[in-house]
C-alpha atoms as a PDB file:
ATOM      1  CA  MET A   1     -11.520 -23.652  40.415  1.00  0.00           C
ATOM      2  CA  THR A   2     -11.884 -25.195  43.873  1.00  0.00           C
ATOM      3  CA  GLN A   3     -15.022 -26.110  45.764  1.00  0.00           C
ATOM      4  CA  SER A   4     -16.015 -27.909  48.948  1.00  0.00           C
ATOM      5  CA  ALA A   5     -17.638 -31.348  48.676  1.00  0.00           C
ATOM      6  CA  ILE A   6     -18.446 -34.436  50.733  1.00  0.00           C
ATOM      7  CA  VAL A   7     -17.241 -37.905  49.764  1.00  0.00           C
ATOM      8  CA  LYS A   8     -20.192 -40.282  49.499  1.00  0.00           C
ATOM      9  CA  ARG A   9     -18.504 -43.494  48.355  1.00  0.00           C
ATOM     10  CA  ILE A  10     -15.287 -44.891  46.949  1.00  0.00           C
ATOM     11  CA  LEU A  11     -15.672 -46.118  43.362  1.00  0.00           C
ATOM     12  CA  GLY A  12     -12.386 -47.865  42.655  1.00  0.00           C
ATOM     13  CA  ASN A  13      -9.637 -47.037  40.144  1.00  0.00           C
ATOM     14  CA  GLY A  14      -8.711 -44.125  42.394  1.00  0.00           C
ATOM     15  CA  TYR A  15     -12.090 -42.355  42.035  1.00  0.00           C
ATOM     16  CA  ALA A  16     -14.704 -41.323  44.575  1.00  0.00           C
ATOM     17  CA  GLU A  17     -18.250 -40.048  44.224  1.00  0.00           C
ATOM     18  CA  VAL A  18     -18.540 -36.636  45.844  1.00  0.00           C
ATOM     19  CA  HIS A  19     -21.586 -34.449  46.421  1.00  0.00           C
ATOM     20  CA  VAL A  20     -21.150 -30.746  45.773  1.00  0.00           C
ATOM     21  CA  GLU A  21     -23.619 -28.115  46.904  1.00  0.00           C
ATOM     22  CA  ARG A  22     -24.456 -25.940  43.909  1.00  0.00           C
ATOM     23  CA  ILE A  23     -23.507 -22.323  44.537  1.00  0.00           C
ATOM     24  CA  SER A  24     -26.302 -19.851  43.866  1.00  0.00           C
ATOM     25  CA  ALA A  25     -25.846 -17.129  41.276  1.00  0.00           C
ATOM     26  CA  CYS A  26     -26.992 -14.448  43.706  1.00  0.00           C
ATOM     27  CA  GLY A  27     -24.133 -15.022  46.133  1.00  0.00           C
ATOM     28  CA  HIS A  28     -26.291 -16.676  48.809  1.00  0.00           C
ATOM     29  CA  SER A  29     -28.527 -13.646  49.331  1.00  0.00           C
ATOM     30  CA  CYS A  30     -31.440 -15.602  47.899  1.00  0.00           C
ATOM     31  CA  ALA A  31     -34.077 -13.870  49.992  1.00  0.00           C
ATOM     32  CA  SER A  32     -33.340 -10.585  48.266  1.00  0.00           C
ATOM     33  CA  CYS A  33     -33.286 -11.832  44.672  1.00  0.00           C
ATOM     34  CA  GLY A  34     -36.358 -14.107  44.783  1.00  0.00           C
ATOM     35  CA  SER A  35     -35.114 -16.397  42.017  1.00  0.00           C
ATOM     36  CA  GLY A  36     -35.908 -19.558  43.933  1.00  0.00           C
ATOM     37  CA  CYS A  37     -32.337 -20.768  44.198  1.00  0.00           C
ATOM     38  CA  ALA A  38     -32.474 -20.949  48.011  1.00  0.00           C
ATOM     39  CA  ASP A  39     -33.278 -24.663  47.783  1.00  0.00           C
ATOM     40  CA  LYS A  40     -30.069 -26.616  48.282  1.00  0.00           C
ATOM     41  CA  ARG A  41     -29.187 -28.409  45.075  1.00  0.00           C
ATOM     42  CA  ILE A  42     -26.664 -31.193  45.306  1.00  0.00           C
ATOM     43  CA  ILE A  43     -24.631 -32.338  42.302  1.00  0.00           C
ATOM     44  CA  ALA A  44     -22.937 -35.747  42.333  1.00  0.00           C
ATOM     45  CA  VAL A  45     -19.639 -35.963  40.433  1.00  0.00           C
ATOM     46  CA  ASN A  46     -16.826 -38.482  40.237  1.00  0.00           C
ATOM     47  CA  ALA A  47     -13.426 -37.147  41.270  1.00  0.00           C
ATOM     48  CA  MET A  48      -9.920 -38.568  41.260  1.00  0.00           C
ATOM     49  CA  ASN A  49      -9.211 -39.308  44.926  1.00  0.00           C
ATOM     50  CA  LEU A  50      -5.695 -37.849  45.166  1.00  0.00           C
ATOM     51  CA  ALA A  51      -6.057 -37.150  48.916  1.00  0.00           C
ATOM     52  CA  LYS A  52      -7.160 -40.738  49.762  1.00  0.00           C
ATOM     53  CA  ALA A  53     -10.388 -39.449  51.318  1.00  0.00           C
ATOM     54  CA  LYS A  54     -12.946 -41.799  52.858  1.00  0.00           C
ATOM     55  CA  PRO A  55     -16.770 -41.665  52.788  1.00  0.00           C
ATOM     56  CA  GLY A  56     -18.014 -38.841  54.996  1.00  0.00           C
ATOM     57  CA  ASP A  57     -14.890 -36.696  54.590  1.00  0.00           C
ATOM     58  CA  ARG A  58     -15.365 -33.044  53.682  1.00  0.00           C
ATOM     59  CA  VAL A  59     -12.889 -32.365  50.899  1.00  0.00           C
ATOM     60  CA  VAL A  60     -11.727 -29.688  48.511  1.00  0.00           C
ATOM     61  CA  ILE A  61     -12.167 -30.615  44.856  1.00  0.00           C
ATOM     62  CA  GLU A  62     -10.442 -28.864  42.015  1.00  0.00           C
ATOM     63  CA  SER A  63     -11.323 -28.583  38.348  1.00  0.00           C
ATOM     64  CA  ALA A  64      -9.871 -26.715  35.427  1.00  0.00           C
ATOM     65  CA  THR A  65     -11.233 -23.166  35.396  1.00  0.00           C
ATOM     66  CA  LYS A  66     -11.101 -23.245  31.594  1.00  0.00           C
ATOM     67  CA  GLY A  67     -13.604 -26.133  31.502  1.00  0.00           C
ATOM     68  CA  ILE A  68     -15.983 -24.440  33.936  1.00  0.00           C
ATOM     69  CA  LEU A  69     -15.882 -21.131  32.075  1.00  0.00           C
ATOM     70  CA  GLY A  70     -16.348 -22.921  28.757  1.00  0.00           C
ATOM     71  CA  ALA A  71     -19.407 -24.716  30.111  1.00  0.00           C
ATOM     72  CA  ALA A  72     -20.840 -21.464  31.477  1.00  0.00           C
ATOM     73  CA  MET A  73     -20.284 -19.734  28.139  1.00  0.00           C
ATOM     74  CA  LEU A  74     -21.972 -22.594  26.333  1.00  0.00           C
ATOM     75  CA  VAL A  75     -25.003 -22.612  28.624  1.00  0.00           C
ATOM     76  CA  TYR A  76     -25.547 -18.857  28.745  1.00  0.00           C
ATOM     77  CA  PHE A  77     -24.375 -17.531  25.387  1.00  0.00           C
ATOM     78  CA  VAL A  78     -25.180 -20.158  22.758  1.00  0.00           C
ATOM     79  CA  PRO A  79     -29.000 -19.924  23.055  1.00  0.00           C
ATOM     80  CA  ILE A  80     -28.832 -16.113  23.134  1.00  0.00           C
ATOM     81  CA  LEU A  81     -26.566 -16.054  20.074  1.00  0.00           C
ATOM     82  CA  PHE A  82     -29.000 -18.343  18.228  1.00  0.00           C
ATOM     83  CA  PHE A  83     -31.832 -15.960  19.175  1.00  0.00           C
ATOM     84  CA  PHE A  84     -30.097 -12.783  17.977  1.00  0.00           C
ATOM     85  CA  PHE A  85     -28.686 -14.409  14.832  1.00  0.00           C
ATOM     86  CA  ALA A  86     -32.183 -15.598  13.857  1.00  0.00           C
ATOM     87  CA  TYR A  87     -33.675 -12.185  14.619  1.00  0.00           C
ATOM     88  CA  VAL A  88     -31.101 -10.382  12.466  1.00  0.00           C
ATOM     89  CA  LEU A  89     -31.595 -12.820   9.584  1.00  0.00           C
ATOM     90  CA  THR A  90     -35.394 -12.549   9.713  1.00  0.00           C
ATOM     91  CA  SER A  91     -35.158  -8.756   9.877  1.00  0.00           C
ATOM     92  CA  LEU A  92     -32.840  -8.688   6.876  1.00  0.00           C
ATOM     93  CA  ALA A  93     -35.319 -10.934   5.058  1.00  0.00           C
ATOM     94  CA  LYS A  94     -37.997  -8.288   5.822  1.00  0.00           C
ATOM     95  CA  LEU A  95     -40.305 -10.784   7.520  1.00  0.00           C
ATOM     96  CA  PRO A  96     -43.143  -9.408   9.656  1.00  0.00           C
ATOM     97  CA  GLU A  97     -42.242  -8.642  13.272  1.00  0.00           C
ATOM     98  CA  TRP A  98     -44.352 -11.500  14.647  1.00  0.00           C
ATOM     99  CA  ALA A  99     -42.592 -13.971  12.337  1.00  0.00           C
ATOM    100  CA  SER A 100     -39.185 -12.672  13.423  1.00  0.00           C
ATOM    101  CA  ILE A 101     -40.113 -13.160  17.065  1.00  0.00           C
ATOM    102  CA  VAL A 102     -41.511 -16.672  16.542  1.00  0.00           C
ATOM    103  CA  ILE A 103     -38.474 -17.781  14.525  1.00  0.00           C
ATOM    104  CA  SER A 104     -36.091 -16.206  17.034  1.00  0.00           C
ATOM    105  CA  VAL A 105     -37.750 -17.968  19.973  1.00  0.00           C
ATOM    106  CA  ALA A 106     -37.570 -21.244  18.039  1.00  0.00           C
ATOM    107  CA  ALA A 107     -33.875 -20.594  17.382  1.00  0.00           C
ATOM    108  CA  PHE A 108     -33.358 -19.926  21.113  1.00  0.00           C
ATOM    109  CA  MET A 109     -34.971 -23.292  21.898  1.00  0.00           C
ATOM    110  CA  LEU A 110     -32.794 -24.957  19.266  1.00  0.00           C
ATOM    111  CA  GLY A 111     -29.722 -23.412  20.928  1.00  0.00           C
ATOM    112  CA  ALA A 112     -30.883 -24.699  24.325  1.00  0.00           C
ATOM    113  CA  ALA A 113     -31.398 -28.160  22.809  1.00  0.00           C
ATOM    114  CA  CYS A 114     -27.860 -28.051  21.384  1.00  0.00           C
ATOM    115  CA  VAL A 115     -26.521 -27.175  24.846  1.00  0.00           C
ATOM    116  CA  TYR A 116     -28.468 -30.103  26.321  1.00  0.00           C
ATOM    117  CA  VAL A 117     -27.000 -32.536  23.771  1.00  0.00           C
ATOM    118  CA  VAL A 118     -23.448 -31.254  24.335  1.00  0.00           C
ATOM    119  CA  ASN A 119     -23.940 -31.501  28.104  1.00  0.00           C
ATOM    120  CA  ARG A 120     -25.016 -35.139  27.780  1.00  0.00           C
ATOM    121  CA  TYR A 121     -21.922 -35.845  25.655  1.00  0.00           C
ATOM    122  CA  VAL A 122     -19.576 -34.108  28.122  1.00  0.00           C
ATOM    123  CA  ARG A 123     -21.025 -36.052  31.063  1.00  0.00           C
ATOM    124  CA  ARG A 124     -20.766 -39.357  29.220  1.00  0.00           C
ATOM    125  CA  ASP A 125     -17.295 -38.595  27.849  1.00  0.00           C
ATOM    126  CA  LYS A 126     -16.142 -37.355  31.287  1.00  0.00           C
ATOM    127  CA  SER A 127     -14.116 -34.616  29.635  1.00  0.00           C
ATOM    128  CA  MET A 128     -14.468 -32.412  32.719  1.00  0.00           C
ATOM    129  CA  GLU A 129     -12.068 -33.780  35.342  1.00  0.00           C
ATOM    130  CA  PHE A 130     -12.366 -33.220  39.083  1.00  0.00           C
ATOM    131  CA  ASN A 131      -9.639 -33.990  41.616  1.00  0.00           C
ATOM    132  CA  ILE A 132      -9.872 -34.295  45.396  1.00  0.00           C
ATOM    133  CA  VAL A 133      -6.880 -32.230  46.503  1.00  0.00           C
ATOM    134  CA  SER A 134      -7.285 -32.112  50.284  1.00  0.00           C
ATOM    135  CA  ILE A 135      -9.393 -33.281  53.205  1.00  0.00           C
ATOM    136  CA  VAL A 136     -10.910 -30.448  55.242  1.00  0.00           C
ATOM    137  CA  GLU A 137     -12.431 -32.385  58.132  1.00  0.00           C
ATOM    138  CA  ASP A 138     -13.202 -36.019  58.853  1.00  0.00           C
ATOM    139  CA  ILE A 139     -16.837 -35.915  59.917  1.00  0.00           C
ATOM    140  CA  CYS A 140     -19.776 -37.773  58.495  1.00  0.00           C
ATOM    141  CA  LEU A 141     -22.413 -35.366  57.174  1.00  0.00           C
ATOM    142  CA  ASP A 142     -25.581 -36.211  55.290  1.00  0.00           C
ATOM    143  CA  MET A 143     -26.194 -34.188  52.162  1.00  0.00           C
END
């Protein structure tokens, strides 16, 4: 998976801090979906500076698609799976409907908490690698 970014600073050991504009889920037609994603959200990541980019350079960064898809699956599906698994178990246990809903919502929150913990571990462990593969233009832009 490739994405455009701007180099903010050189870190040493061949790495650079780059700022990536988060792509909206609605395909940049934010006015029509109303989900509030129109605000530009910038994510700072460390990337291996293979292209020898300098601060201010607009670059193309690359990451393993497998890692991105795995992260998306974790974020979106794990809490939902916790929710449905809890609902099925409480239904099989013949609990009242309100109890099934409360337990299922709690399971959803537990799934979200698990995702949060895994995300913290992945960020600290740096198991998702980014590489700067090319320089697009050499202009200094503020993000």
